[in-house]
PDB file of N, CA and C in Angstrom:
ATOM      1  N   MET A   1      -8.599  -7.017 -10.531  1.00  0.00           N
ATOM      2  CA  MET A   1      -9.960  -6.160 -10.273  1.00  0.00           C
ATOM      3  C   MET A   1     -11.154  -7.067 -10.811  1.00  0.00           C
ATOM      4  N   GLY A   2     -10.900  -8.074 -11.694  1.00  0.00           N
ATOM      5  CA  GLY A   2     -12.173  -8.684 -12.171  1.00  0.00           C
ATOM      6  C   GLY A   2     -13.236  -7.696 -12.904  1.00  0.00           C
ATOM      7  N   ASN A   3     -14.682  -8.057 -12.776  1.00  0.00           N
ATOM      8  CA  ASN A   3     -15.651  -7.384 -13.400  1.00  0.00           C
ATOM      9  C   ASN A   3     -16.355  -6.397 -12.336  1.00  0.00           C
ATOM     10  N   SER A   4     -15.721  -5.838 -11.553  1.00  0.00           N
ATOM     11  CA  SER A   4     -16.212  -4.649 -10.675  1.00  0.00           C
ATOM     12  C   SER A   4     -16.226  -3.454 -11.338  1.00  0.00           C
ATOM     13  N   LYS A   5     -17.532  -2.946 -11.082  1.00  0.00           N
ATOM     14  CA  LYS A   5     -17.495  -1.580 -11.704  1.00  0.00           C
ATOM     15  C   LYS A   5     -17.240  -0.519 -10.674  1.00  0.00           C
ATOM     16  N   ASP A   6     -16.980  -0.816  -9.345  1.00  0.00           N
ATOM     17  CA  ASP A   6     -16.513  -0.094  -8.257  1.00  0.00           C
ATOM     18  C   ASP A   6     -15.374   0.876  -8.488  1.00  0.00           C
ATOM     19  N   TRP A   7     -15.023   1.910  -8.020  1.00  0.00           N
ATOM     20  CA  TRP A   7     -14.021   2.752  -8.089  1.00  0.00           C
ATOM     21  C   TRP A   7     -12.893   1.873  -7.249  1.00  0.00           C
ATOM     22  N   PRO A   8     -11.601   1.848  -7.404  1.00  0.00           N
ATOM     23  CA  PRO A   8     -10.843   1.415  -6.588  1.00  0.00           C
ATOM     24  C   PRO A   8     -10.575   1.998  -5.191  1.00  0.00           C
ATOM     25  N   ARG A   9     -10.301   1.880  -4.284  1.00  0.00           N
ATOM     26  CA  ARG A   9     -10.208   2.553  -2.926  1.00  0.00           C
ATOM     27  C   ARG A   9      -9.318   1.931  -2.196  1.00  0.00           C
ATOM     28  N   ALA A  10      -8.821   3.143  -1.439  1.00  0.00           N
ATOM     29  CA  ALA A  10      -7.400   2.825  -0.316  1.00  0.00           C
ATOM     30  C   ALA A  10      -7.607   1.764   0.458  1.00  0.00           C
ATOM     31  N   ASN A  11      -7.128   0.768   0.623  1.00  0.00           N
ATOM     32  CA  ASN A  11      -7.156  -0.054   1.767  1.00  0.00           C
ATOM     33  C   ASN A  11      -6.694   0.937   3.259  1.00  0.00           C
ATOM     34  N   VAL A  12      -8.262   0.710   4.069  1.00  0.00           N
ATOM     35  CA  VAL A  12      -8.014   1.231   5.399  1.00  0.00           C
ATOM     36  C   VAL A  12      -7.181   0.323   6.556  1.00  0.00           C
ATOM     37  N   GLN A  13      -6.913  -0.756   6.039  1.00  0.00           N
ATOM     38  CA  GLN A  13      -6.093  -1.479   7.225  1.00  0.00           C
ATOM     39  C   GLN A  13      -4.687  -1.440   6.724  1.00  0.00           C
ATOM     40  N   PRO A  14      -3.653  -1.306   7.623  1.00  0.00           N
ATOM     41  CA  PRO A  14      -2.401  -1.144   7.285  1.00  0.00           C
ATOM     42  C   PRO A  14      -1.786  -2.630   7.162  1.00  0.00           C
ATOM     43  N   PRO A  15      -0.868  -2.584   6.438  1.00  0.00           N
ATOM     44  CA  PRO A  15       0.066  -4.186   5.952  1.00  0.00           C
ATOM     45  C   PRO A  15      -0.142  -5.016   7.457  1.00  0.00           C
ATOM     46  N   ASP A  16      -0.043  -6.257   7.062  1.00  0.00           N
ATOM     47  CA  ASP A  16       0.001  -7.118   8.384  1.00  0.00           C
ATOM     48  C   ASP A  16       1.644  -7.209   8.607  1.00  0.00           C
ATOM     49  N   LEU A  17       2.025  -6.641   9.928  1.00  0.00           N
ATOM     50  CA  LEU A  17       3.243  -6.471  10.116  1.00  0.00           C
ATOM     51  C   LEU A  17       3.803  -7.907  10.553  1.00  0.00           C
ATOM     52  N   ASN A  18       3.191  -9.126  10.336  1.00  0.00           N
ATOM     53  CA  ASN A  18       3.774 -10.295  10.818  1.00  0.00           C
ATOM     54  C   ASN A  18       4.268 -11.183  10.032  1.00  0.00           C
ATOM     55  N   ASN A  19       4.122 -10.481   8.700  1.00  0.00           N
ATOM     56  CA  ASN A  19       4.526 -11.095   7.478  1.00  0.00           C
ATOM     57  C   ASN A  19       6.102 -11.323   7.471  1.00  0.00           C
ATOM     58  N   PRO A  20       6.984 -12.179   6.838  1.00  0.00           N
ATOM     59  CA  PRO A  20       8.447 -12.359   6.840  1.00  0.00           C
ATOM     60  C   PRO A  20       9.282 -10.901   6.296  1.00  0.00           C
ATOM     61  N   LYS A  21      10.153 -10.952   6.734  1.00  0.00           N
ATOM     62  CA  LYS A  21      11.143  -9.700   6.459  1.00  0.00           C
ATOM     63  C   LYS A  21      10.911  -9.335   5.065  1.00  0.00           C
ATOM     64  N   GLU A  22      11.260 -10.209   4.218  1.00  0.00           N
ATOM     65  CA  GLU A  22      11.297 -10.127   2.709  1.00  0.00           C
ATOM     66  C   GLU A  22      10.086  -9.386   2.241  1.00  0.00           C
ATOM     67  N   VAL A  23       8.867  -9.867   2.767  1.00  0.00           N
ATOM     68  CA  VAL A  23       7.479  -9.613   2.268  1.00  0.00           C
ATOM     69  C   VAL A  23       7.521  -8.056   2.647  1.00  0.00           C
ATOM     70  N   LEU A  24       7.811  -7.959   3.960  1.00  0.00           N
ATOM     71  CA  LEU A  24       7.713  -6.460   4.273  1.00  0.00           C
ATOM     72  C   LEU A  24       8.616  -5.395   3.454  1.00  0.00           C
ATOM     73  N   GLN A  25       9.857  -6.031   3.351  1.00  0.00           N
ATOM     74  CA  GLN A  25      10.700  -5.044   2.315  1.00  0.00           C
ATOM     75  C   GLN A  25      10.043  -4.909   0.799  1.00  0.00           C
ATOM     76  N   ALA A  26       9.536  -5.811   0.359  1.00  0.00           N
ATOM     77  CA  ALA A  26       8.844  -5.842  -0.962  1.00  0.00           C
ATOM     78  C   ALA A  26       7.730  -4.642  -0.793  1.00  0.00           C
ATOM     79  N   LEU A  27       6.917  -4.939   0.066  1.00  0.00           N
ATOM     80  CA  LEU A  27       5.290  -4.009   0.455  1.00  0.00           C
ATOM     81  C   LEU A  27       6.202  -2.580   1.000  1.00  0.00           C
ATOM     82  N   LEU A  28       7.192  -2.201   1.377  1.00  0.00           N
ATOM     83  CA  LEU A  28       7.641  -0.867   1.486  1.00  0.00           C
ATOM     84  C   LEU A  28       8.059  -0.248   0.185  1.00  0.00           C
ATOM     85  N   SER A  29       8.389  -1.289  -0.534  1.00  0.00           N
ATOM     86  CA  SER A  29       9.258  -0.595  -1.902  1.00  0.00           C
ATOM     87  C   SER A  29       8.003  -0.367  -2.800  1.00  0.00           C
ATOM     88  N   ILE A  30       7.109  -1.229  -2.535  1.00  0.00           N
ATOM     89  CA  ILE A  30       5.732  -0.746  -3.349  1.00  0.00           C
ATOM     90  C   ILE A  30       5.186   0.548  -2.822  1.00  0.00           C
ATOM     91  N   GLU A  31       5.004   0.517  -1.752  1.00  0.00           N
ATOM     92  CA  GLU A  31       4.685   1.663  -0.940  1.00  0.00           C
ATOM     93  C   GLU A  31       5.397   3.186  -1.364  1.00  0.00           C
ATOM     94  N   TRP A  32       6.513   2.945  -1.500  1.00  0.00           N
ATOM     95  CA  TRP A  32       7.471   4.122  -1.735  1.00  0.00           C
ATOM     96  C   TRP A  32       7.151   4.501  -3.401  1.00  0.00           C
ATOM     97  N   SER A  33       7.045   3.602  -4.018  1.00  0.00           N
ATOM     98  CA  SER A  33       6.817   4.000  -5.656  1.00  0.00           C
ATOM     99  C   SER A  33       5.251   4.313  -5.764  1.00  0.00           C
ATOM    100  N   ARG A  34       4.455   4.133  -5.219  1.00  0.00           N
ATOM    101  CA  ARG A  34       3.071   4.470  -4.640  1.00  0.00           C
ATOM    102  C   ARG A  34       3.216   6.196  -4.452  1.00  0.00           C
ATOM    103  N   LEU A  35       3.763   6.243  -3.294  1.00  0.00           N
ATOM    104  CA  LEU A  35       4.019   7.730  -2.692  1.00  0.00           C
ATOM    105  C   LEU A  35       4.518   8.593  -3.744  1.00  0.00           C
ATOM    106  N   GLU A  36       5.723   8.347  -4.367  1.00  0.00           N
ATOM    107  CA  GLU A  36       6.360   8.853  -5.357  1.00  0.00           C
ATOM    108  C   GLU A  36       5.198   9.345  -6.777  1.00  0.00           C
ATOM    109  N   THR A  37       4.670   8.510  -6.998  1.00  0.00           N
ATOM    110  CA  THR A  37       3.591   8.656  -8.077  1.00  0.00           C
ATOM    111  C   THR A  37       2.666   9.522  -7.577  1.00  0.00           C
ATOM    112  N   ALA A  38       1.853   9.310  -6.327  1.00  0.00           N
ATOM    113  CA  ALA A  38       1.005  10.031  -5.953  1.00  0.00           C
ATOM    114  C   ALA A  38       1.287  11.473  -5.620  1.00  0.00           C
ATOM    115  N   THR A  39       2.751  11.830  -5.150  1.00  0.00           N
ATOM    116  CA  THR A  39       3.088  13.334  -4.754  1.00  0.00           C
ATOM    117  C   THR A  39       3.255  13.823  -6.289  1.00  0.00           C
ATOM    118  N   ARG A  40       3.788  13.144  -7.313  1.00  0.00           N
ATOM    119  CA  ARG A  40       4.158  13.625  -8.644  1.00  0.00           C
ATOM    120  C   ARG A  40       2.893  14.085  -9.424  1.00  0.00           C
ATOM    121  N   ILE A  41       1.508  13.386  -9.097  1.00  0.00           N
ATOM    122  CA  ILE A  41       0.222  13.688  -9.517  1.00  0.00           C
ATOM    123  C   ILE A  41      -0.340  14.889  -8.748  1.00  0.00           C
ATOM    124  N   GLU A  42      -0.160  14.776  -7.623  1.00  0.00           N
ATOM    125  CA  GLU A  42      -0.658  15.932  -6.569  1.00  0.00           C
ATOM    126  C   GLU A  42       0.117  17.394  -7.228  1.00  0.00           C
ATOM    127  N   GLU A  43       1.619  17.460  -7.580  1.00  0.00           N
ATOM    128  CA  GLU A  43       1.929  18.399  -7.950  1.00  0.00           C
ATOM    129  C   GLU A  43       1.622  19.003  -9.300  1.00  0.00           C
ATOM    130  N   GLU A  44       1.594  17.905 -10.140  1.00  0.00           N
ATOM    131  CA  GLU A  44       1.195  18.431 -11.535  1.00  0.00           C
ATOM    132  C   GLU A  44      -0.243  18.826 -11.635  1.00  0.00           C
ATOM    133  N   ARG A  45      -1.148  18.390 -10.881  1.00  0.00           N
ATOM    134  CA  ARG A  45      -2.529  18.821 -10.840  1.00  0.00           C
ATOM    135  C   ARG A  45      -2.634  19.914  -9.673  1.00  0.00           C
ATOM    136  N   ASN A  46      -1.940  20.238  -8.862  1.00  0.00           N
ATOM    137  CA  ASN A  46      -2.216  21.139  -7.769  1.00  0.00           C
ATOM    138  C   ASN A  46      -3.437  20.492  -6.916  1.00  0.00           C
ATOM    139  N   ILE A  47      -3.355  19.285  -6.652  1.00  0.00           N
ATOM    140  CA  ILE A  47      -4.406  18.592  -5.659  1.00  0.00           C
ATOM    141  C   ILE A  47      -3.942  17.974  -4.601  1.00  0.00           C
ATOM    142  N   VAL A  48      -4.567  17.778  -3.643  1.00  0.00           N
ATOM    143  CA  VAL A  48      -4.218  16.821  -2.455  1.00  0.00           C
ATOM    144  C   VAL A  48      -5.215  15.326  -2.651  1.00  0.00           C
ATOM    145  N   PHE A  49      -4.341  14.266  -2.546  1.00  0.00           N
ATOM    146  CA  PHE A  49      -5.407  12.984  -2.459  1.00  0.00           C
ATOM    147  C   PHE A  49      -5.383  12.541  -1.049  1.00  0.00           C
ATOM    148  N   PRO A  50      -6.311  12.330  -0.457  1.00  0.00           N
ATOM    149  CA  PRO A  50      -6.104  11.794   1.209  1.00  0.00           C
ATOM    150  C   PRO A  50      -5.788  10.587   1.199  1.00  0.00           C
ATOM    151  N   GLU A  51      -5.689   9.833   0.043  1.00  0.00           N
ATOM    152  CA  GLU A  51      -5.310   8.519   0.027  1.00  0.00           C
ATOM    153  C   GLU A  51      -3.552   8.475   0.363  1.00  0.00           C
ATOM    154  N   THR A  52      -3.147   9.648  -0.015  1.00  0.00           N
ATOM    155  CA  THR A  52      -1.734   9.732   0.397  1.00  0.00           C
ATOM    156  C   THR A  52      -1.222   9.627   1.493  1.00  0.00           C
ATOM    157  N   THR A  53      -2.015  10.080   2.392  1.00  0.00           N
ATOM    158  CA  THR A  53      -1.893  10.047   4.024  1.00  0.00           C
ATOM    159  C   THR A  53      -2.004   8.693   4.463  1.00  0.00           C
ATOM    160  N   ILE A  54      -2.580   7.741   3.866  1.00  0.00           N
ATOM    161  CA  ILE A  54      -2.727   6.289   4.313  1.00  0.00           C
ATOM    162  C   ILE A  54      -1.180   5.591   3.715  1.00  0.00           C
ATOM    163  N   ILE A  55      -0.888   6.046   2.366  1.00  0.00           N
ATOM    164  CA  ILE A  55       0.520   5.536   1.956  1.00  0.00           C
ATOM    165  C   ILE A  55       1.624   5.916   2.880  1.00  0.00           C
ATOM    166  N   ILE A  56       1.583   7.141   3.386  1.00  0.00           N
ATOM    167  CA  ILE A  56       2.679   7.684   4.215  1.00  0.00           C
ATOM    168  C   ILE A  56       2.497   6.719   5.582  1.00  0.00           C
ATOM    169  N   ARG A  57       1.416   6.485   6.063  1.00  0.00           N
ATOM    170  CA  ARG A  57       0.948   5.595   7.304  1.00  0.00           C
ATOM    171  C   ARG A  57       1.900   4.422   7.225  1.00  0.00           C
ATOM    172  N   ASP A  58       1.238   3.711   5.893  1.00  0.00           N
ATOM    173  CA  ASP A  58       1.866   2.301   5.665  1.00  0.00           C
ATOM    174  C   ASP A  58       3.349   2.541   5.644  1.00  0.00           C
ATOM    175  N   ILE A  59       3.849   3.527   5.057  1.00  0.00           N
ATOM    176  CA  ILE A  59       5.301   3.375   5.095  1.00  0.00           C
ATOM    177  C   ILE A  59       5.851   3.671   6.465  1.00  0.00           C
ATOM    178  N   GLN A  60       5.411   4.256   7.327  1.00  0.00           N
ATOM    179  CA  GLN A  60       5.656   4.522   8.722  1.00  0.00           C
ATOM    180  C   GLN A  60       5.717   3.121   9.287  1.00  0.00           C
ATOM    181  N   LYS A  61       4.598   2.458   9.264  1.00  0.00           N
ATOM    182  CA  LYS A  61       4.359   1.045   9.866  1.00  0.00           C
ATOM    183  C   LYS A  61       5.686  -0.011   9.434  1.00  0.00           C
ATOM    184  N   LEU A  62       5.569   0.335   7.937  1.00  0.00           N
ATOM    185  CA  LEU A  62       6.505  -0.810   7.497  1.00  0.00           C
ATOM    186  C   LEU A  62       8.124  -0.673   7.803  1.00  0.00           C
ATOM    187  N   MET A  63       8.362   0.617   7.806  1.00  0.00           N
ATOM    188  CA  MET A  63       9.624   1.082   8.268  1.00  0.00           C
ATOM    189  C   MET A  63       9.958   0.735   9.803  1.00  0.00           C
ATOM    190  N   GLY A  64       8.959   0.939  10.638  1.00  0.00           N
ATOM    191  CA  GLY A  64       8.855   0.444  12.191  1.00  0.00           C
ATOM    192  C   GLY A  64       9.302  -0.800  12.117  1.00  0.00           C
ATOM    193  N   ALA A  65       8.484  -1.797  11.321  1.00  0.00           N
ATOM    194  CA  ALA A  65       8.386  -3.227  11.678  1.00  0.00           C
ATOM    195  C   ALA A  65       9.913  -3.698  10.949  1.00  0.00           C
ATOM    196  N   LEU A  66      10.327  -2.730  10.365  1.00  0.00           N
ATOM    197  CA  LEU A  66      11.717  -3.418   9.794  1.00  0.00           C
ATOM    198  C   LEU A  66      12.767  -2.821  10.610  1.00  0.00           C
ATOM    199  N   GLY A  67      12.744  -2.003  11.366  1.00  0.00           N
ATOM    200  CA  GLY A  67      13.293  -1.338  12.208  1.00  0.00           C
ATOM    201  C   GLY A  67      14.421  -0.238  11.711  1.00  0.00           C
ATOM    202  N   LEU A  68      13.974   0.402  10.597  1.00  0.00           N
ATOM    203  CA  LEU A  68      14.287   1.263  10.055  1.00  0.00           C
ATOM    204  C   LEU A  68      13.684   2.625  10.447  1.00  0.00           C
ATOM    205  N   PRO A  69      14.579   3.572  11.236  1.00  0.00           N
ATOM    206  CA  PRO A  69      14.172   4.896  11.816  1.00  0.00           C
ATOM    207  C   PRO A  69      14.006   5.654  10.747  1.00  0.00           C
ATOM    208  N   LEU A  70      12.985   6.550  10.793  1.00  0.00           N
ATOM    209  CA  LEU A  70      12.403   7.885  10.073  1.00  0.00           C
ATOM    210  C   LEU A  70      13.660   8.823   9.800  1.00  0.00           C
ATOM    211  N   GLU A  71      14.357   8.661  10.729  1.00  0.00           N
ATOM    212  CA  GLU A  71      15.614   9.870  10.738  1.00  0.00           C
ATOM    213  C   GLU A  71      16.639   9.383   9.434  1.00  0.00           C
ATOM    214  N   GLU A  72      16.733   8.386   9.228  1.00  0.00           N
ATOM    215  CA  GLU A  72      17.404   7.614   8.050  1.00  0.00           C
ATOM    216  C   GLU A  72      16.735   7.339   6.983  1.00  0.00           C
ATOM    217  N   LYS A  73      15.698   7.998   6.535  1.00  0.00           N
ATOM    218  CA  LYS A  73      14.933   7.827   5.278  1.00  0.00           C
ATOM    219  C   LYS A  73      15.611   8.180   4.151  1.00  0.00           C
ATOM    220  N   GLU A  74      16.443   9.503   4.113  1.00  0.00           N
ATOM    221  CA  GLU A  74      16.998  10.007   3.025  1.00  0.00           C
ATOM    222  C   GLU A  74      18.182   9.146   2.644  1.00  0.00           C
ATOM    223  N   ASP A  75      19.029   8.812   3.513  1.00  0.00           N
ATOM    224  CA  ASP A  75      20.019   7.841   3.485  1.00  0.00           C
ATOM    225  C   ASP A  75      19.735   6.388   2.601  1.00  0.00           C
ATOM    226  N   ILE A  76      18.386   5.986   3.431  1.00  0.00           N
ATOM    227  CA  ILE A  76      17.873   4.678   2.824  1.00  0.00           C
ATOM    228  C   ILE A  76      17.358   4.517   1.674  1.00  0.00           C
ATOM    229  N   PHE A  77      16.513   5.712   1.186  1.00  0.00           N
ATOM    230  CA  PHE A  77      15.818   5.714   0.009  1.00  0.00           C
ATOM    231  C   PHE A  77      16.241   6.873  -0.910  1.00  0.00           C
ATOM    232  N   GLY A  78      16.719   7.895  -0.383  1.00  0.00           N
ATOM    233  CA  GLY A  78      16.996   8.997  -1.283  1.00  0.00           C
ATOM    234  C   GLY A  78      16.221   9.557  -2.384  1.00  0.00           C
ATOM    235  N   ILE A  79      14.778   9.038  -2.231  1.00  0.00           N
ATOM    236  CA  ILE A  79      13.879   9.616  -3.542  1.00  0.00           C
ATOM    237  C   ILE A  79      13.073  10.804  -3.141  1.00  0.00           C
ATOM    238  N   PHE A  80      13.039  11.170  -1.880  1.00  0.00           N
ATOM    239  CA  PHE A  80      12.085  12.159  -1.202  1.00  0.00           C
ATOM    240  C   PHE A  80      12.939  13.163  -0.438  1.00  0.00           C
ATOM    241  N   PRO A  81      14.061  14.076  -1.188  1.00  0.00           N
ATOM    242  CA  PRO A  81      15.037  14.713  -0.185  1.00  0.00           C
ATOM    243  C   PRO A  81      13.841  15.899   0.354  1.00  0.00           C
ATOM    244  N   ASN A  82      12.930  16.431  -0.281  1.00  0.00           N
ATOM    245  CA  ASN A  82      12.189  17.412   0.392  1.00  0.00           C
ATOM    246  C   ASN A  82      10.961  17.025   1.389  1.00  0.00           C
ATOM    247  N   LEU A  83      10.868  15.626   1.384  1.00  0.00           N
ATOM    248  CA  LEU A  83       9.665  15.227   1.997  1.00  0.00           C
ATOM    249  C   LEU A  83      10.048  14.796   3.445  1.00  0.00           C
ATOM    250  N   ASP A  84       9.151  15.473   4.549  1.00  0.00           N
ATOM    251  CA  ASP A  84       9.576  15.264   5.971  1.00  0.00           C
ATOM    252  C   ASP A  84       8.497  14.584   6.561  1.00  0.00           C
ATOM    253  N   LEU A  85       8.714  13.100   6.689  1.00  0.00           N
ATOM    254  CA  LEU A  85       7.953  12.489   6.979  1.00  0.00           C
ATOM    255  C   LEU A  85       7.230  12.531   8.550  1.00  0.00           C
ATOM    256  N   ASP A  86       8.198  13.449   9.191  1.00  0.00           N
ATOM    257  CA  ASP A  86       7.954  13.670  10.519  1.00  0.00           C
ATOM    258  C   ASP A  86       6.950  14.671  10.614  1.00  0.00           C
ATOM    259  N   ASP A  87       6.544  15.279   9.725  1.00  0.00           N
ATOM    260  CA  ASP A  87       5.353  16.075   9.851  1.00  0.00           C
ATOM    261  C   ASP A  87       3.766  15.219   9.875  1.00  0.00           C
ATOM    262  N   PHE A  88       4.168  14.080   9.308  1.00  0.00           N
ATOM    263  CA  PHE A  88       2.999  13.197   9.367  1.00  0.00           C
ATOM    264  C   PHE A  88       2.907  12.152  10.368  1.00  0.00           C
ATOM    265  N   ALA A  89       3.937  12.364  11.328  1.00  0.00           N
ATOM    266  CA  ALA A  89       3.996  11.244  12.697  1.00  0.00           C
ATOM    267  C   ALA A  89       2.987  11.470  13.432  1.00  0.00           C
ATOM    268  N   PRO A  90       2.389  10.075  13.880  1.00  0.00           N
ATOM    269  CA  PRO A  90       1.093  10.250  14.693  1.00  0.00           C
ATOM    270  C   PRO A  90       1.453  10.522  15.898  1.00  0.00           C
TER     271      PRO A  90
END
């Protein structure tokens, strides 16, 4: 972050889906980790972060680019059994 005094902000641009498959898989893993952290903090503090929606959108786009259907999310990731991403579908 360098010497910036600004608060970090969510990137409004989704990840570049033209990256190699390995890069998209790494980005997806990072986004799942971010979502897990964001939802844990939301539950602990009883608040909602608008940025969480951006993380979910990025996960959806990355899963689509990798050909991973949302219906199989529990089988693939198994970390959010109570999270229904279909509720967030565009």
